[in-house]
Amino acid sequence: MTMSPIAAFAVLGLSWLLSWALTGRVLAYLRRKAILDHPNDRSSHSIPTPRGGGWGVMLTLLPAWVAVGAATGDLPRALPVLAGIAALMAVSWMDDRRGLGPAPRFLIQIAAVAGGLAALPGDGLVFQGLLPAWADRLVAAVGWLWFVNLFNFMDGIDGLAGGEAATIGGGLALVAALAGPAALTPALGLYGLAAAGAALGFLMWNWHPAKLFMGDVGSVPLGFALGWLLLGAAAAGFWPAALLIPAYFLTDATVTLLRRLAEGKKVWQAHREHFYQKATQRGRNHAQVVRLVLVLNGVLVALAAASLTLGWMVVLPGAVAVILLLATLARPARVAA
């Protein structure tokens, strides 16, 4: 079965429209219930803003993935991931509303990832036999857990997480279409398009100045879902694409974590030390920062597509592009004379 253009446009368009409509309804509910994110010394916003808009994204993505799985025959394999998404939505909403300690959050994440490993394609070996099976699973699980949490960490300014989700979903769909069904299943591409559409619908409400925020109920399960797609691409042998498409989020979050570890700081505490956060502190507004990231993401997706023929040689220019963006974000913004 191939991913037909009609099916691709239908999945993208319907997901986009449904997410836009649902997020609008969610916004009305959050305002009515006064479920707000109040500014503090670690925030990147200055006025109380509804939090929990991720419901619109996830209530689009989850049924869309069920429909895609059913239509492609992939539903039995995807069931552990769908269950993990639902569990993470529930516990993350409790965290948004009442605040949970790190232990219960992390235990649910571990359980979701452990179940999700069974949903990887083929033999499920992400590193294609370079590691023993047990080590392959362990390293993949740790990487997946890190991606879930870094996606949550990077949801800190208007439009950033939504833009990244749209990039990852759309980028993987492009790679799947170019690689063909013999290499990557059509289901992966359609899952990616559903995620991209859900993110774009939310982004229409979350672009700067945001009318609402995603909250953990969106960023945590969305990071889990996208992490599964990326691991699926890697397990199918498309490692350059799987590394390049999310490279900005991976690099910003990982470098920031390592720097805080080196400085002896409590890495589990909220902060404003990511490159994108420092860029807003140095004179750029949220939209300016996100536009820069999206330009980089366009380059990374193009390189991921090129990796289908050029292989690993495209990773170096991708790394250079990411470093250039981080250097740009680290500099103060130019002030017009």
C-alpha atoms as a PDB file:
ATOM      1  CA  MET A   1       0.000   0.000   0.000  1.00  0.00           C
ATOM      2  CA  THR A   2       1.365   3.425  -0.949  1.00  0.00           C
ATOM      3  CA  MET A   3       0.564   6.773   0.638  1.00  0.00           C
ATOM      4  CA  SER A   4      -1.680   8.369  -1.981  1.00  0.00           C
ATOM      5  CA  PRO A   5      -1.718  12.173  -2.348  1.00  0.00           C
ATOM      6  CA  ILE A   6      -5.464  12.210  -1.698  1.00  0.00           C
ATOM      7  CA  ALA A   7      -5.061  10.330   1.585  1.00  0.00           C
ATOM      8  CA  ALA A   8      -2.144  12.545   2.579  1.00  0.00           C
ATOM      9  CA  PHE A   9      -4.014  15.802   1.958  1.00  0.00           C
ATOM     10  CA  ALA A  10      -7.138  14.448   3.648  1.00  0.00           C
ATOM     11  CA  VAL A  11      -5.261  13.457   6.811  1.00  0.00           C
ATOM     12  CA  LEU A  12      -3.358  16.747   6.966  1.00  0.00           C
ATOM     13  CA  GLY A  13      -6.339  18.956   6.191  1.00  0.00           C
ATOM     14  CA  LEU A  14      -8.864  17.229   8.438  1.00  0.00           C
ATOM     15  CA  SER A  15      -6.423  17.096  11.346  1.00  0.00           C
ATOM     16  CA  TRP A  16      -5.628  20.783  10.901  1.00  0.00           C
ATOM     17  CA  LEU A  17      -9.296  21.781  10.817  1.00  0.00           C
ATOM     18  CA  LEU A  18     -10.310  19.552  13.735  1.00  0.00           C
ATOM     19  CA  SER A  19      -7.434  20.754  15.901  1.00  0.00           C
ATOM     20  CA  TRP A  20      -8.251  24.392  15.154  1.00  0.00           C
ATOM     21  CA  ALA A  21     -11.923  23.864  16.073  1.00  0.00           C
ATOM     22  CA  LEU A  22     -11.221  21.797  19.191  1.00  0.00           C
ATOM     23  CA  THR A  23      -8.556  24.188  20.464  1.00  0.00           C
ATOM     24  CA  GLY A  24     -11.055  27.039  20.171  1.00  0.00           C
ATOM     25  CA  ARG A  25     -13.529  25.070  22.283  1.00  0.00           C
ATOM     26  CA  VAL A  26     -10.803  24.197  24.778  1.00  0.00           C
ATOM     27  CA  LEU A  27      -9.847  27.873  25.039  1.00  0.00           C
ATOM     28  CA  ALA A  28     -13.432  28.800  25.909  1.00  0.00           C
ATOM     29  CA  TYR A  29     -13.500  26.097  28.598  1.00  0.00           C
ATOM     30  CA  LEU A  30     -10.170  27.149  30.112  1.00  0.00           C
ATOM     31  CA  ARG A  31     -11.280  30.771  30.281  1.00  0.00           C
ATOM     32  CA  ARG A  32     -14.613  29.823  31.863  1.00  0.00           C
ATOM     33  CA  LYS A  33     -12.881  27.695  34.494  1.00  0.00           C
ATOM     34  CA  ALA A  34     -10.052  30.251  34.951  1.00  0.00           C
ATOM     35  CA  ILE A  35      -7.386  27.600  34.344  1.00  0.00           C
ATOM     36  CA  LEU A  36      -4.488  29.994  33.868  1.00  0.00           C
ATOM     37  CA  ASP A  37      -0.709  29.973  33.735  1.00  0.00           C
ATOM     38  CA  HIS A  38       0.363  32.866  35.946  1.00  0.00           C
ATOM     39  CA  PRO A  39       3.705  34.580  35.216  1.00  0.00           C
ATOM     40  CA  ASN A  40       6.635  33.955  37.534  1.00  0.00           C
ATOM     41  CA  ASP A  41      10.369  34.609  37.477  1.00  0.00           C
ATOM     42  CA  ARG A  42      10.919  31.610  35.187  1.00  0.00           C
ATOM     43  CA  SER A  43       8.158  32.451  32.690  1.00  0.00           C
ATOM     44  CA  SER A  44       8.547  33.934  29.237  1.00  0.00           C
ATOM     45  CA  HIS A  45       5.130  35.630  29.344  1.00  0.00           C
ATOM     46  CA  SER A  46       3.865  38.620  31.311  1.00  0.00           C
ATOM     47  CA  ILE A  47       0.077  38.127  31.645  1.00  0.00           C
ATOM     48  CA  PRO A  48      -2.035  35.217  32.948  1.00  0.00           C
ATOM     49  CA  THR A  49      -2.808  32.934  29.982  1.00  0.00           C
ATOM     50  CA  PRO A  50      -5.038  29.838  29.726  1.00  0.00           C
ATOM     51  CA  ARG A  51      -3.038  26.612  29.958  1.00  0.00           C
ATOM     52  CA  GLY A  52      -4.180  23.236  28.683  1.00  0.00           C
ATOM     53  CA  GLY A  53      -4.562  23.943  24.980  1.00  0.00           C
ATOM     54  CA  GLY A  54      -2.781  20.671  24.305  1.00  0.00           C
ATOM     55  CA  TRP A  55      -6.172  18.995  24.706  1.00  0.00           C
ATOM     56  CA  GLY A  56      -7.070  20.319  21.263  1.00  0.00           C
ATOM     57  CA  VAL A  57      -3.900  18.806  19.783  1.00  0.00           C
ATOM     58  CA  MET A  58      -4.162  15.429  21.473  1.00  0.00           C
ATOM     59  CA  LEU A  59      -7.922  14.974  21.013  1.00  0.00           C
ATOM     60  CA  THR A  60      -7.167  15.401  17.330  1.00  0.00           C
ATOM     61  CA  LEU A  61      -4.032  13.283  17.128  1.00  0.00           C
ATOM     62  CA  LEU A  62      -5.290  10.281  19.091  1.00  0.00           C
ATOM     63  CA  PRO A  63      -8.427   9.527  17.014  1.00  0.00           C
ATOM     64  CA  ALA A  64      -6.567  10.451  13.824  1.00  0.00           C
ATOM     65  CA  TRP A  65      -3.886   7.875  14.615  1.00  0.00           C
ATOM     66  CA  VAL A  66      -6.558   5.281  15.407  1.00  0.00           C
ATOM     67  CA  ALA A  67      -8.142   5.970  12.008  1.00  0.00           C
ATOM     68  CA  VAL A  68      -4.801   5.817  10.194  1.00  0.00           C
ATOM     69  CA  GLY A  69      -3.867   2.595  11.980  1.00  0.00           C
ATOM     70  CA  ALA A  70      -7.198   1.013  11.107  1.00  0.00           C
ATOM     71  CA  ALA A  71      -7.045   2.114   7.472  1.00  0.00           C
ATOM     72  CA  THR A  72      -3.484   0.847   6.952  1.00  0.00           C
ATOM     73  CA  GLY A  73      -3.721  -2.321   9.024  1.00  0.00           C
ATOM     74  CA  ASP A  74      -1.194  -0.900  11.484  1.00  0.00           C
ATOM     75  CA  LEU A  75      -3.573  -0.535  14.447  1.00  0.00           C
ATOM     76  CA  PRO A  76      -2.587  -3.717  16.347  1.00  0.00           C
ATOM     77  CA  ARG A  77       1.072  -2.684  16.318  1.00  0.00           C
ATOM     78  CA  ALA A  78       0.265   0.902  17.333  1.00  0.00           C
ATOM     79  CA  LEU A  79      -2.037   0.023  20.255  1.00  0.00           C
ATOM     80  CA  PRO A  80       0.693   0.173  22.963  1.00  0.00           C
ATOM     81  CA  VAL A  81       1.669   3.665  21.776  1.00  0.00           C
ATOM     82  CA  LEU A  82      -1.938   4.844  21.685  1.00  0.00           C
ATOM     83  CA  ALA A  83      -2.421   3.538  25.232  1.00  0.00           C
ATOM     84  CA  GLY A  84       0.765   5.326  26.302  1.00  0.00           C
ATOM     85  CA  ILE A  85      -0.449   8.585  24.782  1.00  0.00           C
ATOM     86  CA  ALA A  86      -3.755   8.320  26.660  1.00  0.00           C
ATOM     87  CA  ALA A  87      -2.014   7.539  29.966  1.00  0.00           C
ATOM     88  CA  LEU A  88       0.384  10.461  29.565  1.00  0.00           C
ATOM     89  CA  MET A  89      -2.490  12.812  28.736  1.00  0.00           C
ATOM     90  CA  ALA A  90      -4.239  11.830  31.965  1.00  0.00           C
ATOM     91  CA  VAL A  91      -1.256  12.148  34.290  1.00  0.00           C
ATOM     92  CA  SER A  92      -0.026  15.339  32.600  1.00  0.00           C
ATOM     93  CA  TRP A  93      -3.421  16.993  33.010  1.00  0.00           C
ATOM     94  CA  MET A  94      -3.323  16.142  36.712  1.00  0.00           C
ATOM     95  CA  ASP A  95       0.119  17.750  36.805  1.00  0.00           C
ATOM     96  CA  ASP A  96      -1.200  20.856  35.019  1.00  0.00           C
ATOM     97  CA  ARG A  97      -4.101  21.174  37.462  1.00  0.00           C
ATOM     98  CA  ARG A  98      -2.669  20.177  40.813  1.00  0.00           C
ATOM     99  CA  GLY A  99       1.047  19.594  40.373  1.00  0.00           C
ATOM    100  CA  LEU A 100       2.617  16.170  40.762  1.00  0.00           C
ATOM    101  CA  GLY A 101       6.042  15.253  42.014  1.00  0.00           C
ATOM    102  CA  PRO A 102       8.658  14.055  39.535  1.00  0.00           C
ATOM    103  CA  ALA A 103       8.401  10.415  40.665  1.00  0.00           C
ATOM    104  CA  PRO A 104       4.824   9.625  39.513  1.00  0.00           C
ATOM    105  CA  ARG A 105       5.329  11.538  36.264  1.00  0.00           C
ATOM    106  CA  PHE A 106       8.529   9.669  35.489  1.00  0.00           C
ATOM    107  CA  LEU A 107       7.102   6.254  36.403  1.00  0.00           C
ATOM    108  CA  ILE A 108       4.197   6.710  33.978  1.00  0.00           C
ATOM    109  CA  GLN A 109       6.653   7.832  31.295  1.00  0.00           C
ATOM    110  CA  ILE A 110       8.802   4.734  31.870  1.00  0.00           C
ATOM    111  CA  ALA A 111       5.743   2.485  31.617  1.00  0.00           C
ATOM    112  CA  ALA A 112       4.591   4.185  28.419  1.00  0.00           C
ATOM    113  CA  VAL A 113       8.017   3.873  26.815  1.00  0.00           C
ATOM    114  CA  ALA A 114       8.411   0.239  27.908  1.00  0.00           C
ATOM    115  CA  GLY A 115       5.111  -0.618  26.267  1.00  0.00           C
ATOM    116  CA  GLY A 116       5.861   1.479  23.206  1.00  0.00           C
ATOM    117  CA  LEU A 117       9.100  -0.364  22.462  1.00  0.00           C
ATOM    118  CA  ALA A 118       6.991  -3.323  21.345  1.00  0.00           C
ATOM    119  CA  ALA A 119       5.455  -1.086  18.663  1.00  0.00           C
ATOM    120  CA  LEU A 120       8.704  -0.417  16.810  1.00  0.00           C
ATOM    121  CA  PRO A 121       8.788  -1.755  13.249  1.00  0.00           C
ATOM    122  CA  GLY A 122      10.445  -4.978  12.120  1.00  0.00           C
ATOM    123  CA  ASP A 123      12.641  -6.594  14.747  1.00  0.00           C
ATOM    124  CA  GLY A 124      12.461  -3.429  16.841  1.00  0.00           C
ATOM    125  CA  LEU A 125      16.237  -2.985  16.887  1.00  0.00           C
ATOM    126  CA  VAL A 126      16.866   0.736  16.582  1.00  0.00           C
ATOM    127  CA  PHE A 127      20.632   0.357  16.064  1.00  0.00           C
ATOM    128  CA  GLN A 128      20.351  -2.346  13.377  1.00  0.00           C
ATOM    129  CA  GLY A 129      22.330  -5.001  15.256  1.00  0.00           C
ATOM    130  CA  LEU A 130      25.243  -2.772  16.322  1.00  0.00           C
ATOM    131  CA  LEU A 131      24.257  -3.416  19.952  1.00  0.00           C
ATOM    132  CA  PRO A 132      23.011  -6.565  21.687  1.00  0.00           C
ATOM    133  CA  ALA A 133      19.222  -6.672  21.746  1.00  0.00           C
ATOM    134  CA  TRP A 134      18.992  -5.802  25.459  1.00  0.00           C
ATOM    135  CA  ALA A 135      21.358  -2.844  25.073  1.00  0.00           C
ATOM    136  CA  ASP A 136      19.528  -1.664  21.961  1.00  0.00           C
ATOM    137  CA  ARG A 137      16.242  -1.591  23.861  1.00  0.00           C
ATOM    138  CA  LEU A 138      17.805   0.107  26.883  1.00  0.00           C
ATOM    139  CA  VAL A 139      19.485   2.869  24.883  1.00  0.00           C
ATOM    140  CA  ALA A 140      16.340   3.397  22.781  1.00  0.00           C
ATOM    141  CA  ALA A 141      14.233   3.641  25.951  1.00  0.00           C
ATOM    142  CA  VAL A 142      16.567   6.191  27.558  1.00  0.00           C
ATOM    143  CA  GLY A 143      16.617   8.238  24.345  1.00  0.00           C
ATOM    144  CA  TRP A 144      12.834   8.121  24.095  1.00  0.00           C
ATOM    145  CA  LEU A 145      12.414   9.205  27.728  1.00  0.00           C
ATOM    146  CA  TRP A 146      14.812  12.074  27.139  1.00  0.00           C
ATOM    147  CA  PHE A 147      12.892  13.173  24.052  1.00  0.00           C
ATOM    148  CA  VAL A 148       9.588  13.173  25.980  1.00  0.00           C
ATOM    149  CA  ASN A 149      11.081  15.429  28.625  1.00  0.00           C
ATOM    150  CA  LEU A 150      13.079  17.697  26.335  1.00  0.00           C
ATOM    151  CA  PHE A 151       9.973  18.354  24.239  1.00  0.00           C
ATOM    152  CA  ASN A 152       8.272  19.458  27.447  1.00  0.00           C
ATOM    153  CA  PHE A 153      11.269  21.632  28.410  1.00  0.00           C
ATOM    154  CA  MET A 154      11.295  23.297  25.000  1.00  0.00           C
ATOM    155  CA  ASP A 155       7.631  24.311  25.210  1.00  0.00           C
ATOM    156  CA  GLY A 156       8.460  27.704  26.664  1.00  0.00           C
ATOM    157  CA  ILE A 157       7.544  30.448  24.174  1.00  0.00           C
ATOM    158  CA  ASP A 158       4.624  31.063  21.844  1.00  0.00           C
ATOM    159  CA  GLY A 159       4.606  28.836  18.774  1.00  0.00           C
ATOM    160  CA  LEU A 160       7.822  26.914  19.404  1.00  0.00           C
ATOM    161  CA  ALA A 161       6.499  23.463  20.354  1.00  0.00           C
ATOM    162  CA  GLY A 162       3.703  23.646  17.791  1.00  0.00           C
ATOM    163  CA  GLY A 163       6.121  24.662  15.065  1.00  0.00           C
ATOM    164  CA  GLU A 164       8.530  21.871  15.985  1.00  0.00           C
ATOM    165  CA  ALA A 165       5.771  19.257  16.058  1.00  0.00           C
ATOM    166  CA  ALA A 166       4.584  20.346  12.616  1.00  0.00           C
ATOM    167  CA  THR A 167       8.170  20.141  11.341  1.00  0.00           C
ATOM    168  CA  ILE A 168       8.807  16.660  12.732  1.00  0.00           C
ATOM    169  CA  GLY A 169       5.487  15.271  11.544  1.00  0.00           C
ATOM    170  CA  GLY A 170       5.682  16.867   8.107  1.00  0.00           C
ATOM    171  CA  GLY A 171       9.383  16.112   7.698  1.00  0.00           C
ATOM    172  CA  LEU A 172       8.942  12.428   8.473  1.00  0.00           C
ATOM    173  CA  ALA A 173       5.972  12.265   6.111  1.00  0.00           C
ATOM    174  CA  LEU A 174       8.129  13.712   3.329  1.00  0.00           C
ATOM    175  CA  VAL A 175      10.918  11.216   4.010  1.00  0.00           C
ATOM    176  CA  ALA A 176       8.407   8.340   4.064  1.00  0.00           C
ATOM    177  CA  ALA A 177       6.903   9.456   0.758  1.00  0.00           C
ATOM    178  CA  LEU A 178      10.309   9.776  -0.918  1.00  0.00           C
ATOM    179  CA  ALA A 179      11.644   6.516   0.514  1.00  0.00           C
ATOM    180  CA  GLY A 180       8.629   4.528  -0.661  1.00  0.00           C
ATOM    181  CA  PRO A 181       6.532   1.819   1.040  1.00  0.00           C
ATOM    182  CA  ALA A 182       9.270  -0.794   0.739  1.00  0.00           C
ATOM    183  CA  ALA A 183      11.443   1.264   3.102  1.00  0.00           C
ATOM    184  CA  LEU A 184       9.040   3.115   5.413  1.00  0.00           C
ATOM    185  CA  THR A 185       5.433   2.127   5.923  1.00  0.00           C
ATOM    186  CA  PRO A 186       2.747   4.501   4.613  1.00  0.00           C
ATOM    187  CA  ALA A 187       1.339   4.476   8.146  1.00  0.00           C
ATOM    188  CA  LEU A 188       4.409   6.337   9.423  1.00  0.00           C
ATOM    189  CA  GLY A 189       3.931   9.098   6.864  1.00  0.00           C
ATOM    190  CA  LEU A 190       0.217   9.402   7.622  1.00  0.00           C
ATOM    191  CA  TYR A 191       0.872   9.438  11.383  1.00  0.00           C
ATOM    192  CA  GLY A 192       3.330  12.255  10.716  1.00  0.00           C
ATOM    193  CA  LEU A 193       0.813  14.233   8.662  1.00  0.00           C
ATOM    194  CA  ALA A 194      -1.841  13.822  11.364  1.00  0.00           C
ATOM    195  CA  ALA A 195       0.623  15.147  13.954  1.00  0.00           C
ATOM    196  CA  ALA A 196       1.570  18.038  11.678  1.00  0.00           C
ATOM    197  CA  GLY A 197      -2.063  18.947  11.039  1.00  0.00           C
ATOM    198  CA  ALA A 198      -2.919  18.808  14.753  1.00  0.00           C
ATOM    199  CA  ALA A 199       0.066  21.047  15.537  1.00  0.00           C
ATOM    200  CA  LEU A 200      -0.824  23.558  12.823  1.00  0.00           C
ATOM    201  CA  GLY A 201      -4.406  23.844  14.034  1.00  0.00           C
ATOM    202  CA  PHE A 202      -3.158  24.555  17.546  1.00  0.00           C
ATOM    203  CA  LEU A 203      -0.533  26.961  16.228  1.00  0.00           C
ATOM    204  CA  MET A 204      -3.264  29.232  14.878  1.00  0.00           C
ATOM    205  CA  TRP A 205      -4.216  29.937  18.500  1.00  0.00           C
ATOM    206  CA  ASN A 206      -0.732  29.746  19.983  1.00  0.00           C
ATOM    207  CA  TRP A 207       1.231  32.021  17.626  1.00  0.00           C
ATOM    208  CA  HIS A 208       2.623  35.110  19.324  1.00  0.00           C
ATOM    209  CA  PRO A 209       0.880  36.641  21.188  1.00  0.00           C
ATOM    210  CA  ALA A 210      -0.595  33.316  22.266  1.00  0.00           C
ATOM    211  CA  LYS A 211      -4.219  33.064  23.300  1.00  0.00           C
ATOM    212  CA  LEU A 212      -3.442  29.880  25.219  1.00  0.00           C
ATOM    213  CA  PHE A 213      -0.565  27.571  26.073  1.00  0.00           C
ATOM    214  CA  MET A 214      -0.154  23.868  25.343  1.00  0.00           C
ATOM    215  CA  GLY A 215       0.581  22.760  28.894  1.00  0.00           C
ATOM    216  CA  ASP A 216       1.987  19.385  29.921  1.00  0.00           C
ATOM    217  CA  VAL A 217      -1.218  17.687  28.730  1.00  0.00           C
ATOM    218  CA  GLY A 218      -0.024  18.493  25.214  1.00  0.00           C
ATOM    219  CA  SER A 219       3.746  18.655  25.302  1.00  0.00           C
ATOM    220  CA  VAL A 220       4.411  15.396  27.184  1.00  0.00           C
ATOM    221  CA  PRO A 221       2.215  12.992  25.142  1.00  0.00           C
ATOM    222  CA  LEU A 222       3.091  14.847  21.942  1.00  0.00           C
ATOM    223  CA  GLY A 223       6.793  14.376  22.653  1.00  0.00           C
ATOM    224  CA  PHE A 224       6.098  10.692  23.309  1.00  0.00           C
ATOM    225  CA  ALA A 225       4.180  10.305  20.028  1.00  0.00           C
ATOM    226  CA  LEU A 226       6.801  12.104  17.936  1.00  0.00           C
ATOM    227  CA  GLY A 227       9.592  10.172  19.648  1.00  0.00           C
ATOM    228  CA  TRP A 228       7.956   6.940  18.507  1.00  0.00           C
ATOM    229  CA  LEU A 229       7.876   8.138  14.902  1.00  0.00           C
ATOM    230  CA  LEU A 230      11.535   9.177  15.031  1.00  0.00           C
ATOM    231  CA  LEU A 231      12.599   5.859  16.561  1.00  0.00           C
ATOM    232  CA  GLY A 232      10.565   4.066  13.909  1.00  0.00           C
ATOM    233  CA  ALA A 233      12.464   5.883  11.173  1.00  0.00           C
ATOM    234  CA  ALA A 234      15.775   5.072  12.879  1.00  0.00           C
ATOM    235  CA  ALA A 235      14.828   1.407  13.310  1.00  0.00           C
ATOM    236  CA  ALA A 236      14.054   1.245   9.590  1.00  0.00           C
ATOM    237  CA  GLY A 237      17.607   2.456   8.882  1.00  0.00           C
ATOM    238  CA  PHE A 238      16.931   6.160   8.300  1.00  0.00           C
ATOM    239  CA  TRP A 239      19.163   7.410  11.081  1.00  0.00           C
ATOM    240  CA  PRO A 240      20.359  10.642   9.373  1.00  0.00           C
ATOM    241  CA  ALA A 241      16.769  11.793   8.837  1.00  0.00           C
ATOM    242  CA  ALA A 242      15.748  10.801  12.378  1.00  0.00           C
ATOM    243  CA  LEU A 243      18.593  12.880  13.825  1.00  0.00           C
ATOM    244  CA  LEU A 244      18.377  15.856  11.494  1.00  0.00           C
ATOM    245  CA  ILE A 245      14.670  16.679  11.614  1.00  0.00           C
ATOM    246  CA  PRO A 246      14.512  17.279  15.424  1.00  0.00           C
ATOM    247  CA  ALA A 247      18.134  18.480  15.639  1.00  0.00           C
ATOM    248  CA  TYR A 248      17.389  21.966  17.011  1.00  0.00           C
ATOM    249  CA  PHE A 249      15.289  20.693  19.936  1.00  0.00           C
ATOM    250  CA  LEU A 250      17.771  17.885  20.632  1.00  0.00           C
ATOM    251  CA  THR A 251      20.751  20.232  20.660  1.00  0.00           C
ATOM    252  CA  ASP A 252      19.278  23.164  22.597  1.00  0.00           C
ATOM    253  CA  ALA A 253      17.840  20.926  25.321  1.00  0.00           C
ATOM    254  CA  THR A 254      20.875  18.635  25.625  1.00  0.00           C
ATOM    255  CA  VAL A 255      23.490  21.397  25.657  1.00  0.00           C
ATOM    256  CA  THR A 256      21.456  23.317  28.240  1.00  0.00           C
ATOM    257  CA  LEU A 257      21.121  20.228  30.445  1.00  0.00           C
ATOM    258  CA  LEU A 258      24.840  19.457  30.279  1.00  0.00           C
ATOM    259  CA  ARG A 259      25.728  23.064  31.039  1.00  0.00           C
ATOM    260  CA  ARG A 260      23.451  23.110  34.092  1.00  0.00           C
ATOM    261  CA  LEU A 261      24.892  19.785  35.261  1.00  0.00           C
ATOM    262  CA  ALA A 262      28.420  21.185  34.958  1.00  0.00           C
ATOM    263  CA  GLU A 263      27.370  24.219  36.992  1.00  0.00           C
ATOM    264  CA  GLY A 264      25.934  22.025  39.749  1.00  0.00           C
ATOM    265  CA  LYS A 265      22.345  23.214  39.260  1.00  0.00           C
ATOM    266  CA  LYS A 266      19.202  21.189  39.901  1.00  0.00           C
ATOM    267  CA  VAL A 267      18.406  20.077  36.375  1.00  0.00           C
ATOM    268  CA  TRP A 268      14.828  19.040  37.209  1.00  0.00           C
ATOM    269  CA  GLN A 269      13.822  22.574  38.212  1.00  0.00           C
ATOM    270  CA  ALA A 270      12.215  24.996  35.759  1.00  0.00           C
ATOM    271  CA  HIS A 271      14.513  27.702  34.437  1.00  0.00           C
ATOM    272  CA  ARG A 272      15.047  30.213  31.634  1.00  0.00           C
ATOM    273  CA  GLU A 273      18.440  29.099  30.336  1.00  0.00           C
ATOM    274  CA  HIS A 274      17.611  27.490  27.000  1.00  0.00           C
ATOM    275  CA  PHE A 275      18.980  29.277  23.952  1.00  0.00           C
ATOM    276  CA  TYR A 276      15.493  30.232  22.778  1.00  0.00           C
ATOM    277  CA  GLN A 277      14.660  31.693  26.202  1.00  0.00           C
ATOM    278  CA  LYS A 278      17.871  33.703  26.349  1.00  0.00           C
ATOM    279  CA  ALA A 279      17.116  35.043  22.877  1.00  0.00           C
ATOM    280  CA  THR A 280      13.829  36.523  24.144  1.00  0.00           C
ATOM    281  CA  GLN A 281      15.674  38.005  27.114  1.00  0.00           C
ATOM    282  CA  ARG A 282      18.144  39.653  24.717  1.00  0.00           C
ATOM    283  CA  GLY A 283      15.632  41.589  22.677  1.00  0.00           C
ATOM    284  CA  ARG A 284      13.879  39.207  20.269  1.00  0.00           C
ATOM    285  CA  ASN A 285      10.171  38.545  20.600  1.00  0.00           C
ATOM    286  CA  HIS A 286       8.675  35.063  20.503  1.00  0.00           C
ATOM    287  CA  ALA A 287       7.670  35.217  16.841  1.00  0.00           C
ATOM    288  CA  GLN A 288      11.148  36.331  15.738  1.00  0.00           C
ATOM    289  CA  VAL A 289      12.790  33.429  17.573  1.00  0.00           C
ATOM    290  CA  VAL A 290      10.326  30.862  16.246  1.00  0.00           C
ATOM    291  CA  ARG A 291      10.731  32.132  12.679  1.00  0.00           C
ATOM    292  CA  LEU A 292      14.488  31.616  12.962  1.00  0.00           C
ATOM    293  CA  VAL A 293      13.925  28.077  14.253  1.00  0.00           C
ATOM    294  CA  LEU A 294      11.461  27.322  11.451  1.00  0.00           C
ATOM    295  CA  VAL A 295      13.944  28.531   8.827  1.00  0.00           C
ATOM    296  CA  LEU A 296      16.529  26.178  10.305  1.00  0.00           C
ATOM    297  CA  ASN A 297      13.954  23.393  10.404  1.00  0.00           C
ATOM    298  CA  GLY A 298      13.280  23.876   6.708  1.00  0.00           C
ATOM    299  CA  VAL A 299      16.983  23.395   6.026  1.00  0.00           C
ATOM    300  CA  LEU A 300      17.089  20.310   8.251  1.00  0.00           C
ATOM    301  CA  VAL A 301      14.074  18.726   6.531  1.00  0.00           C
ATOM    302  CA  ALA A 302      15.666  19.360   3.121  1.00  0.00           C
ATOM    303  CA  LEU A 303      18.871  17.705   4.323  1.00  0.00           C
ATOM    304  CA  ALA A 304      16.871  14.788   5.747  1.00  0.00           C
ATOM    305  CA  ALA A 305      15.290  14.288   2.322  1.00  0.00           C
ATOM    306  CA  ALA A 306      18.720  14.501   0.707  1.00  0.00           C
ATOM    307  CA  SER A 307      20.032  11.864   3.123  1.00  0.00           C
ATOM    308  CA  LEU A 308      17.996   9.250   1.249  1.00  0.00           C
ATOM    309  CA  THR A 309      20.591   9.445  -1.517  1.00  0.00           C
ATOM    310  CA  LEU A 310      23.593  11.085   0.170  1.00  0.00           C
ATOM    311  CA  GLY A 311      23.486   9.242   3.498  1.00  0.00           C
ATOM    312  CA  TRP A 312      25.454  10.449   6.500  1.00  0.00           C
ATOM    313  CA  MET A 313      27.372  13.130   4.608  1.00  0.00           C
ATOM    314  CA  VAL A 314      24.435  15.562   5.051  1.00  0.00           C
ATOM    315  CA  VAL A 315      24.671  15.391   8.847  1.00  0.00           C
ATOM    316  CA  LEU A 316      27.710  17.686   8.991  1.00  0.00           C
ATOM    317  CA  PRO A 317      26.069  20.646   7.200  1.00  0.00           C
ATOM    318  CA  GLY A 318      23.017  20.060   9.398  1.00  0.00           C
ATOM    319  CA  ALA A 319      25.171  20.296  12.524  1.00  0.00           C
ATOM    320  CA  VAL A 320      26.786  23.477  11.221  1.00  0.00           C
ATOM    321  CA  ALA A 321      23.354  25.006  10.579  1.00  0.00           C
ATOM    322  CA  VAL A 322      22.215  24.207  14.120  1.00  0.00           C
ATOM    323  CA  ILE A 323      25.392  25.689  15.619  1.00  0.00           C
ATOM    324  CA  LEU A 324      24.954  28.852  13.563  1.00  0.00           C
ATOM    325  CA  LEU A 325      21.402  29.268  14.842  1.00  0.00           C
ATOM    326  CA  LEU A 326      22.469  28.729  18.469  1.00  0.00           C
ATOM    327  CA  ALA A 327      25.188  31.340  17.991  1.00  0.00           C
ATOM    328  CA  THR A 328      22.613  33.729  16.519  1.00  0.00           C
ATOM    329  CA  LEU A 329      20.227  33.202  19.433  1.00  0.00           C
ATOM    330  CA  ALA A 330      23.070  33.797  21.885  1.00  0.00           C
ATOM    331  CA  ARG A 331      23.753  37.273  20.463  1.00  0.00           C
ATOM    332  CA  PRO A 332      21.741  40.359  21.482  1.00  0.00           C
ATOM    333  CA  ALA A 333      19.162  41.403  18.926  1.00  0.00           C
ATOM    334  CA  ARG A 334      20.000  44.416  16.785  1.00  0.00           C
ATOM    335  CA  VAL A 335      18.060  47.492  17.749  1.00  0.00           C
ATOM    336  CA  ALA A 336      16.896  49.686  14.882  1.00  0.00           C
ATOM    337  CA  ALA A 337      18.467  53.136  14.976  1.00  0.00           C
END
